[in-house]
Amino acid sequence: MTTWIFTATSRTGQPVDPITKAPTDSVAVYSQADLDRRIEAAKNDPRDLIVDIERID
């Protein structure tokens, strides 16, 4: 099973991590559908996110 680490960082410094309020958050993603959903959501996010996706197996 393919796993990705999805990292989103706000270009404007707004909180991305809902717990620590940090401008960067990472999450493990275990399905292609979930990864695609997160990428699409990031494109439309008002925090102007930079997304990094790292594939880990």
PDB file of N, CA and C in Angstrom:
ATOM      1  N   MET A   1       0.842  -1.177   0.000  1.00  0.00           N
ATOM      2  CA  MET A   1       0.000   0.000   0.000  1.00  0.00           C
ATOM      3  C   MET A   1       0.891   1.245   0.000  1.00  0.00           C
ATOM      4  N   THR A   2       0.568   2.162  -0.876  1.00  0.00           N
ATOM      5  CA  THR A   2       1.313   3.411  -0.972  1.00  0.00           C
ATOM      6  C   THR A   2       0.846   4.375   0.105  1.00  0.00           C
ATOM      7  N   THR A   3       1.818   5.069   0.682  1.00  0.00           N
ATOM      8  CA  THR A   3       1.537   6.079   1.688  1.00  0.00           C
ATOM      9  C   THR A   3       2.259   7.354   1.285  1.00  0.00           C
ATOM     10  N   TRP A   4       1.630   8.484   1.531  1.00  0.00           N
ATOM     11  CA  TRP A   4       2.222   9.779   1.261  1.00  0.00           C
ATOM     12  C   TRP A   4       2.241  10.607   2.533  1.00  0.00           C
ATOM     13  N   ILE A   5       3.209  11.502   2.624  1.00  0.00           N
ATOM     14  CA  ILE A   5       3.202  12.541   3.652  1.00  0.00           C
ATOM     15  C   ILE A   5       2.801  13.833   2.939  1.00  0.00           C
ATOM     16  N   PHE A   6       1.681  14.370   3.342  1.00  0.00           N
ATOM     17  CA  PHE A   6       1.123  15.587   2.758  1.00  0.00           C
ATOM     18  C   PHE A   6       1.424  16.729   3.717  1.00  0.00           C
ATOM     19  N   THR A   7       2.183  17.715   3.255  1.00  0.00           N
ATOM     20  CA  THR A   7       2.542  18.863   4.088  1.00  0.00           C
ATOM     21  C   THR A   7       1.991  20.129   3.440  1.00  0.00           C
ATOM     22  N   ALA A   8       1.291  20.915   4.226  1.00  0.00           N
ATOM     23  CA  ALA A   8       0.750  22.187   3.758  1.00  0.00           C
ATOM     24  C   ALA A   8       1.332  23.309   4.611  1.00  0.00           C
ATOM     25  N   THR A   9       1.779  24.349   3.930  1.00  0.00           N
ATOM     26  CA  THR A   9       2.342  25.519   4.602  1.00  0.00           C
ATOM     27  C   THR A   9       1.655  26.769   4.062  1.00  0.00           C
ATOM     28  N   SER A  10       1.213  27.621   4.952  1.00  0.00           N
ATOM     29  CA  SER A  10       0.562  28.870   4.563  1.00  0.00           C
ATOM     30  C   SER A  10       1.620  29.892   4.147  1.00  0.00           C
ATOM     31  N   ARG A  11       1.480  30.430   2.956  1.00  0.00           N
ATOM     32  CA  ARG A  11       2.403  31.483   2.478  1.00  0.00           C
ATOM     33  C   ARG A  11       2.230  32.774   3.274  1.00  0.00           C
ATOM     34  N   THR A  12       1.048  32.939   3.872  1.00  0.00           N
ATOM     35  CA  THR A  12       0.753  34.176   4.593  1.00  0.00           C
ATOM     36  C   THR A  12       0.968  34.045   6.092  1.00  0.00           C
ATOM     37  N   GLY A  13       1.409  32.856   6.546  1.00  0.00           N
ATOM     38  CA  GLY A  13       1.676  32.657   7.964  1.00  0.00           C
ATOM     39  C   GLY A  13       0.451  32.334   8.798  1.00  0.00           C
ATOM     40  N   GLN A  14      -0.684  32.134   8.161  1.00  0.00           N
ATOM     41  CA  GLN A  14      -1.897  31.797   8.896  1.00  0.00           C
ATOM     42  C   GLN A  14      -1.806  30.376   9.452  1.00  0.00           C
ATOM     43  N   PRO A  15      -2.485  30.095  10.529  1.00  0.00           N
ATOM     44  CA  PRO A  15      -2.447  28.750  11.120  1.00  0.00           C
ATOM     45  C   PRO A  15      -2.991  27.689  10.162  1.00  0.00           C
ATOM     46  N   VAL A  16      -2.271  26.582  10.072  1.00  0.00           N
ATOM     47  CA  VAL A  16      -2.711  25.424   9.296  1.00  0.00           C
ATOM     48  C   VAL A  16      -2.971  24.255  10.242  1.00  0.00           C
ATOM     49  N   ASP A  17      -2.126  24.118  11.259  1.00  0.00           N
ATOM     50  CA  ASP A  17      -2.304  23.058  12.257  1.00  0.00           C
ATOM     51  C   ASP A  17      -3.367  23.522  13.250  1.00  0.00           C
ATOM     52  N   PRO A  18      -4.490  22.795  13.340  1.00  0.00           N
ATOM     53  CA  PRO A  18      -5.573  23.252  14.211  1.00  0.00           C
ATOM     54  C   PRO A  18      -5.260  23.148  15.705  1.00  0.00           C
ATOM     55  N   ILE A  19      -4.273  22.371  16.076  1.00  0.00           N
ATOM     56  CA  ILE A  19      -3.956  22.199  17.501  1.00  0.00           C
ATOM     57  C   ILE A  19      -2.903  23.203  17.957  1.00  0.00           C
ATOM     58  N   THR A  20      -1.784  23.265  17.239  1.00  0.00           N
ATOM     59  CA  THR A  20      -0.690  24.147  17.659  1.00  0.00           C
ATOM     60  C   THR A  20      -0.772  25.535  17.040  1.00  0.00           C
ATOM     61  N   LYS A  21      -1.633  25.685  16.056  1.00  0.00           N
ATOM     62  CA  LYS A  21      -1.790  26.951  15.311  1.00  0.00           C
ATOM     63  C   LYS A  21      -0.545  27.297  14.493  1.00  0.00           C
ATOM     64  N   ALA A  22       0.295  26.313  14.213  1.00  0.00           N
ATOM     65  CA  ALA A  22       1.495  26.522  13.392  1.00  0.00           C
ATOM     66  C   ALA A  22       1.086  26.744  11.933  1.00  0.00           C
ATOM     67  N   PRO A  23       1.906  27.467  11.159  1.00  0.00           N
ATOM     68  CA  PRO A  23       1.582  27.716   9.761  1.00  0.00           C
ATOM     69  C   PRO A  23       1.883  26.524   8.846  1.00  0.00           C
ATOM     70  N   THR A  24       2.353  25.416   9.408  1.00  0.00           N
ATOM     71  CA  THR A  24       2.652  24.197   8.647  1.00  0.00           C
ATOM     72  C   THR A  24       2.057  23.001   9.361  1.00  0.00           C
ATOM     73  N   ASP A  25       1.535  22.056   8.566  1.00  0.00           N
ATOM     74  CA  ASP A  25       1.017  20.815   9.133  1.00  0.00           C
ATOM     75  C   ASP A  25       1.283  19.681   8.155  1.00  0.00           C
ATOM     76  N   SER A  26       1.585  18.511   8.697  1.00  0.00           N
ATOM     77  CA  SER A  26       1.820  17.312   7.892  1.00  0.00           C
ATOM     78  C   SER A  26       0.897  16.205   8.371  1.00  0.00           C
ATOM     79  N   VAL A  27       0.488  15.370   7.417  1.00  0.00           N
ATOM     80  CA  VAL A  27      -0.393  14.251   7.736  1.00  0.00           C
ATOM     81  C   VAL A  27      -0.050  13.093   6.808  1.00  0.00           C
ATOM     82  N   ALA A  28      -0.150  11.871   7.329  1.00  0.00           N
ATOM     83  CA  ALA A  28       0.028  10.683   6.498  1.00  0.00           C
ATOM     84  C   ALA A  28      -1.276  10.425   5.747  1.00  0.00           C
ATOM     85  N   VAL A  29      -1.151  10.116   4.471  1.00  0.00           N
ATOM     86  CA  VAL A  29      -2.314   9.849   3.625  1.00  0.00           C
ATOM     87  C   VAL A  29      -2.159   8.443   3.063  1.00  0.00           C
ATOM     88  N   TYR A  30      -3.217   7.643   3.179  1.00  0.00           N
ATOM     89  CA  TYR A  30      -3.132   6.227   2.839  1.00  0.00           C
ATOM     90  C   TYR A  30      -3.894   5.816   1.588  1.00  0.00           C
ATOM     91  N   SER A  31      -4.597   6.747   0.947  1.00  0.00           N
ATOM     92  CA  SER A  31      -5.310   6.383  -0.281  1.00  0.00           C
ATOM     93  C   SER A  31      -5.169   7.487  -1.319  1.00  0.00           C
ATOM     94  N   GLN A  32      -5.202   7.085  -2.577  1.00  0.00           N
ATOM     95  CA  GLN A  32      -5.111   8.052  -3.673  1.00  0.00           C
ATOM     96  C   GLN A  32      -6.291   9.014  -3.648  1.00  0.00           C
ATOM     97  N   ALA A  33      -7.477   8.502  -3.332  1.00  0.00           N
ATOM     98  CA  ALA A  33      -8.668   9.358  -3.284  1.00  0.00           C
ATOM     99  C   ALA A  33      -8.523  10.438  -2.212  1.00  0.00           C
ATOM    100  N   ASP A  34      -8.007  10.074  -1.048  1.00  0.00           N
ATOM    101  CA  ASP A  34      -7.803  11.055   0.020  1.00  0.00           C
ATOM    102  C   ASP A  34      -6.746  12.074  -0.385  1.00  0.00           C
ATOM    103  N   LEU A  35      -5.678  11.614  -1.014  1.00  0.00           N
ATOM    104  CA  LEU A  35      -4.630  12.527  -1.475  1.00  0.00           C
ATOM    105  C   LEU A  35      -5.199  13.523  -2.487  1.00  0.00           C
ATOM    106  N   ASP A  36      -5.958  13.015  -3.460  1.00  0.00           N
ATOM    107  CA  ASP A  36      -6.571  13.888  -4.465  1.00  0.00           C
ATOM    108  C   ASP A  36      -7.503  14.906  -3.830  1.00  0.00           C
ATOM    109  N   ARG A  37      -8.273  14.482  -2.827  1.00  0.00           N
ATOM    110  CA  ARG A  37      -9.191  15.399  -2.133  1.00  0.00           C
ATOM    111  C   ARG A  37      -8.427  16.510  -1.420  1.00  0.00           C
ATOM    112  N   ARG A  38      -7.330  16.141  -0.770  1.00  0.00           N
ATOM    113  CA  ARG A  38      -6.526  17.130  -0.049  1.00  0.00           C
ATOM    114  C   ARG A  38      -5.854  18.116  -1.000  1.00  0.00           C
ATOM    115  N   ILE A  39      -5.373  17.633  -2.129  1.00  0.00           N
ATOM    116  CA  ILE A  39      -4.753  18.521  -3.123  1.00  0.00           C
ATOM    117  C   ILE A  39      -5.775  19.512  -3.650  1.00  0.00           C
ATOM    118  N   GLU A  40      -6.958  19.028  -3.978  1.00  0.00           N
ATOM    119  CA  GLU A  40      -8.013  19.905  -4.486  1.00  0.00           C
ATOM    120  C   GLU A  40      -8.426  20.932  -3.438  1.00  0.00           C
ATOM    121  N   ALA A  41      -8.548  20.510  -2.194  1.00  0.00           N
ATOM    122  CA  ALA A  41      -8.916  21.438  -1.127  1.00  0.00           C
ATOM    123  C   ALA A  41      -7.835  22.507  -0.936  1.00  0.00           C
ATOM    124  N   ALA A  42      -6.581  22.120  -1.047  1.00  0.00           N
ATOM    125  CA  ALA A  42      -5.481  23.078  -0.874  1.00  0.00           C
ATOM    126  C   ALA A  42      -5.483  24.135  -1.979  1.00  0.00           C
ATOM    127  N   LYS A  43      -5.867  23.739  -3.186  1.00  0.00           N
ATOM    128  CA  LYS A  43      -5.919  24.698  -4.306  1.00  0.00           C
ATOM    129  C   LYS A  43      -6.909  25.819  -4.033  1.00  0.00           C
ATOM    130  N   ASN A  44      -7.978  25.502  -3.312  1.00  0.00           N
ATOM    131  CA  ASN A  44      -9.038  26.477  -3.057  1.00  0.00           C
ATOM    132  C   ASN A  44      -8.982  27.087  -1.662  1.00  0.00           C
ATOM    133  N   ASP A  45      -7.944  26.792  -0.916  1.00  0.00           N
ATOM    134  CA  ASP A  45      -7.840  27.269   0.458  1.00  0.00           C
ATOM    135  C   ASP A  45      -7.442  28.746   0.488  1.00  0.00           C
ATOM    136  N   PRO A  46      -8.127  29.571   1.260  1.00  0.00           N
ATOM    137  CA  PRO A  46      -7.824  31.006   1.300  1.00  0.00           C
ATOM    138  C   PRO A  46      -6.485  31.345   1.966  1.00  0.00           C
ATOM    139  N   ARG A  47      -5.832  30.369   2.606  1.00  0.00           N
ATOM    140  CA  ARG A  47      -4.554  30.643   3.266  1.00  0.00           C
ATOM    141  C   ARG A  47      -3.383  30.607   2.294  1.00  0.00           C
ATOM    142  N   ASP A  48      -3.649  30.411   0.994  1.00  0.00           N
ATOM    143  CA  ASP A  48      -2.607  30.385  -0.039  1.00  0.00           C
ATOM    144  C   ASP A  48      -1.521  29.371   0.328  1.00  0.00           C
ATOM    145  N   LEU A  49      -1.868  28.093   0.255  1.00  0.00           N
ATOM    146  CA  LEU A  49      -1.005  27.030   0.738  1.00  0.00           C
ATOM    147  C   LEU A  49       0.037  26.577  -0.283  1.00  0.00           C
ATOM    148  N   ILE A  50       1.203  26.290   0.230  1.00  0.00           N
ATOM    149  CA  ILE A  50       2.236  25.574  -0.510  1.00  0.00           C
ATOM    150  C   ILE A  50       2.113  24.125  -0.070  1.00  0.00           C
ATOM    151  N   VAL A  51       2.020  23.211  -1.030  1.00  0.00           N
ATOM    152  CA  VAL A  51       1.836  21.799  -0.712  1.00  0.00           C
ATOM    153  C   VAL A  51       3.064  21.015  -1.133  1.00  0.00           C
ATOM    154  N   ASP A  52       3.510  20.131  -0.257  1.00  0.00           N
ATOM    155  CA  ASP A  52       4.603  19.215  -0.560  1.00  0.00           C
ATOM    156  C   ASP A  52       4.078  17.802  -0.311  1.00  0.00           C
ATOM    157  N   ILE A  53       4.312  16.924  -1.277  1.00  0.00           N
ATOM    158  CA  ILE A  53       3.864  15.545  -1.149  1.00  0.00           C
ATOM    159  C   ILE A  53       5.073  14.633  -1.291  1.00  0.00           C
ATOM    160  N   GLU A  54       5.288  13.821  -0.276  1.00  0.00           N
ATOM    161  CA  GLU A  54       6.410  12.877  -0.280  1.00  0.00           C
ATOM    162  C   GLU A  54       5.824  11.466  -0.246  1.00  0.00           C
ATOM    163  N   ARG A  55       6.201  10.666  -1.241  1.00  0.00           N
ATOM    164  CA  ARG A  55       5.737   9.280  -1.275  1.00  0.00           C
ATOM    165  C   ARG A  55       6.655   8.424  -0.424  1.00  0.00           C
ATOM    166  N   ILE A  56       6.057   7.672   0.486  1.00  0.00           N
ATOM    167  CA  ILE A  56       6.809   6.713   1.282  1.00  0.00           C
ATOM    168  C   ILE A  56       6.104   5.371   1.158  1.00  0.00           C
ATOM    169  N   ASP A  57       6.856   4.306   1.090  1.00  0.00           N
ATOM    170  CA  ASP A  57       6.242   2.973   0.922  1.00  0.00           C
ATOM    171  C   ASP A  57       6.546   2.094   2.087  1.00  0.00           C
TER     172      ASP A  57
END
